[in-house]
Amino acid sequence: MTERALAVVTGASAGIGREFAEQLAARGHDLLVVARDGGRLEELAGVLAPRHGIRVEPLAADLSREDGIARVADRIAGLEPALLVNNAGFGTTGTLARTDPARQTDMVLLHTLAPLRLTLAALPGLLRRNAGGIINVSSVASFLASPGSVTYCATKAYLTVW
């Protein structure tokens, strides 16, 4: 029996992350899908696994929290995936002075520290096999400086140039 390649997709419960999961499943990848909403991840696994004959492991974790990042990084290190899609993210609106500082901190953790730590967890296996990849989902906002989205632009710029 041939082992299928494993892909990890963060922010997989909706939007671009869900589309990545669906496309990778259609190509025959087993999946580790990560997002905060465990119910939506379970629903996604229940659809993709039987439709494509793959394994889907849902892992509910908040990647804007240190414990969530550590849990997912540990799981990735144990699996040695062929592909990591760092997609989880969110934005805020409003000037830095008028935006909740806690939300800004969450965004910095989610857009910078989480991809860094998850990449470091996946990298040893990718280098050992000399195969695979990492996709960092960024934004055209990474090329802008917007007073109403300064932290979003800066964190997406990190993903673009990192």
Protein backbone atom coordinates (compact mmCIF):
# COMPACT_ATOMS: atom_id res chain seq x y z
CA MET A 1 0.00 0.00 0.00
CA THR A 2 1.37 3.42 -0.97
CA GLU A 3 1.45 6.09 1.70
CA ARG A 4 -0.28 9.31 0.72
CA ALA A 5 1.39 12.67 1.24
CA LEU A 6 0.15 14.63 4.24
CA ALA A 7 -0.75 18.31 4.01
CA VAL A 8 -1.36 20.59 6.99
CA VAL A 9 -3.75 23.50 6.44
CA THR A 10 -4.30 26.19 9.08
CA GLY A 11 -7.46 28.27 9.00
CA ALA A 12 -9.05 25.30 7.25
CA SER A 13 -12.61 25.70 8.50
CA ALA A 14 -13.58 28.49 6.08
CA GLY A 15 -12.54 30.65 3.16
CA ILE A 16 -9.19 30.17 1.44
CA GLY A 17 -8.09 27.55 3.98
CA ARG A 18 -11.14 25.40 3.32
CA GLU A 19 -10.52 25.70 -0.42
CA PHE A 20 -6.90 24.59 0.07
CA ALA A 21 -8.16 21.59 2.06
CA GLU A 22 -10.71 20.68 -0.62
CA GLN A 23 -8.22 21.00 -3.46
CA LEU A 24 -5.52 19.00 -1.67
CA ALA A 25 -8.03 16.29 -0.75
CA ALA A 26 -9.10 16.07 -4.40
CA ARG A 27 -5.43 15.52 -5.27
CA GLY A 28 -5.25 12.62 -2.80
CA HIS A 29 -3.46 14.21 0.16
CA ASP A 30 -4.23 13.11 3.67
CA LEU A 31 -4.92 16.19 5.77
CA LEU A 32 -4.34 17.70 9.17
CA VAL A 33 -6.82 20.58 9.28
CA VAL A 34 -6.40 23.25 11.94
CA ALA A 35 -8.72 26.05 13.06
CA ARG A 36 -10.37 27.35 16.23
CA ASP A 37 -13.81 25.91 15.44
CA GLY A 38 -13.67 22.18 16.13
CA GLY A 39 -17.25 21.65 14.97
CA ARG A 40 -16.60 23.05 11.52
CA LEU A 41 -13.37 21.04 11.29
CA GLU A 42 -15.28 17.84 12.15
CA GLU A 43 -17.86 18.69 9.49
CA LEU A 44 -15.08 19.28 6.94
CA ALA A 45 -13.43 15.97 7.81
CA GLY A 46 -16.79 14.20 7.51
CA VAL A 47 -17.21 15.54 3.98
CA LEU A 48 -13.68 15.23 2.60
CA ALA A 49 -12.60 11.84 3.96
CA PRO A 50 -15.36 9.73 2.39
CA ARG A 51 -15.56 11.80 -0.79
CA HIS A 52 -11.84 11.42 -1.58
CA GLY A 53 -10.89 8.24 0.32
CA ILE A 54 -8.34 10.07 2.44
CA ARG A 55 -7.63 10.51 6.14
CA VAL A 56 -8.52 13.86 7.67
CA GLU A 57 -7.46 14.73 11.20
CA PRO A 58 -9.19 17.80 12.65
CA LEU A 59 -7.18 19.70 15.27
CA ALA A 60 -8.97 22.57 17.01
CA ALA A 61 -6.42 25.14 18.18
CA ASP A 62 -6.22 28.90 18.53
CA LEU A 63 -3.00 29.92 16.79
CA SER A 64 -3.15 33.38 18.34
CA ARG A 65 -2.28 31.72 21.67
CA GLU A 66 1.08 30.25 22.69
CA ASP A 67 -0.47 26.97 23.87
CA GLY A 68 -2.32 26.52 20.58
CA ILE A 69 0.83 27.19 18.57
CA ALA A 70 2.82 24.73 20.69
CA ARG A 71 0.18 22.00 20.38
CA VAL A 72 0.02 22.27 16.60
CA ALA A 73 3.81 22.52 16.24
CA ASP A 74 4.23 19.35 18.33
CA ARG A 75 1.69 17.51 16.19
CA ILE A 76 3.36 18.65 12.95
CA ALA A 77 6.79 17.56 14.18
CA GLY A 78 5.40 14.09 14.89
CA LEU A 79 3.81 13.77 11.45
CA GLU A 80 6.46 15.23 9.12
CA PRO A 81 4.04 16.58 6.49
CA ALA A 82 4.90 17.01 2.82
CA LEU A 83 3.11 20.37 2.67
CA LEU A 84 2.32 23.09 5.21
CA VAL A 85 -0.17 25.83 4.34
CA ASN A 86 0.09 28.73 6.80
CA ASN A 87 -3.26 30.32 6.05
CA ALA A 88 -4.90 31.21 9.38
CA GLY A 89 -5.46 34.92 9.77
CA PHE A 90 -7.79 37.81 10.48
CA GLY A 91 -7.83 41.58 10.15
CA THR A 92 -8.99 44.54 12.16
CA THR A 93 -10.00 48.02 11.11
CA GLY A 94 -9.22 51.31 12.77
CA THR A 95 -6.12 53.21 13.72
CA LEU A 96 -3.65 51.58 16.06
CA ALA A 97 -4.47 54.10 18.79
CA ARG A 98 -8.17 53.21 18.65
CA THR A 99 -7.97 49.46 18.18
CA ASP A 100 -8.00 46.89 20.98
CA PRO A 101 -4.34 46.20 21.89
CA ALA A 102 -5.15 42.57 22.70
CA ARG A 103 -6.52 42.00 19.17
CA GLN A 104 -3.36 43.56 17.71
CA THR A 105 -1.21 41.21 19.80
CA ASP A 106 -3.34 38.24 18.71
CA MET A 107 -2.81 39.24 15.08
CA VAL A 108 0.95 39.50 15.48
CA LEU A 109 1.09 36.04 17.08
CA LEU A 110 -1.18 34.50 14.44
CA HIS A 111 0.45 36.05 11.37
CA THR A 112 4.11 35.87 12.45
CA LEU A 113 4.93 33.58 15.39
CA ALA A 114 2.53 30.78 14.43
CA PRO A 115 3.83 30.42 10.84
CA LEU A 116 7.42 30.61 12.10
CA ARG A 117 6.94 27.91 14.73
CA LEU A 118 4.88 25.64 12.47
CA THR A 119 7.46 25.99 9.70
CA LEU A 120 10.26 25.13 12.12
CA ALA A 121 8.30 22.01 13.11
CA ALA A 122 7.80 20.90 9.48
CA LEU A 123 11.24 21.84 8.17
CA PRO A 124 13.36 18.92 9.45
CA GLY A 125 11.24 16.36 7.58
CA LEU A 126 11.10 18.47 4.43
CA LEU A 127 14.90 18.88 4.43
CA ARG A 128 15.53 15.21 5.20
CA ARG A 129 13.35 14.16 2.25
CA ASN A 130 14.53 17.08 0.09
CA ALA A 131 10.92 17.37 -1.03
CA GLY A 132 7.70 19.11 -0.14
CA GLY A 133 6.79 22.71 0.45
CA ILE A 134 5.48 25.53 2.60
CA ILE A 135 2.86 28.02 1.44
CA ASN A 136 2.44 31.26 3.39
CA VAL A 137 -0.86 32.92 2.53
CA SER A 138 -0.32 36.67 2.57
CA SER A 139 -2.16 39.63 1.08
CA VAL A 140 -1.74 42.50 -1.33
CA ALA A 141 -1.94 44.56 1.88
CA SER A 142 1.62 43.41 2.56
CA PHE A 143 2.76 45.97 -0.01
CA LEU A 144 0.81 48.84 1.58
CA ALA A 145 0.93 51.01 4.65
CA SER A 146 -2.62 51.75 5.73
CA PRO A 147 -3.32 53.81 8.87
CA GLY A 148 -6.55 51.84 9.31
CA SER A 149 -4.84 48.44 9.12
CA VAL A 150 -1.25 49.07 10.13
CA THR A 151 -0.74 45.83 12.08
CA TYR A 152 -2.42 43.73 9.39
CA CYS A 153 -0.24 45.25 6.66
CA ALA A 154 2.92 44.81 8.74
CA THR A 155 2.22 41.20 9.68
CA LYS A 156 1.30 40.26 6.12
CA ALA A 157 4.51 41.97 4.94
CA TYR A 158 6.37 39.64 7.29
CA LEU A 159 4.78 36.65 5.57
CA THR A 160 5.54 38.04 2.11
CA VAL A 161 9.25 38.68 2.67
CA TRP A 162 10.01 35.92 5.18
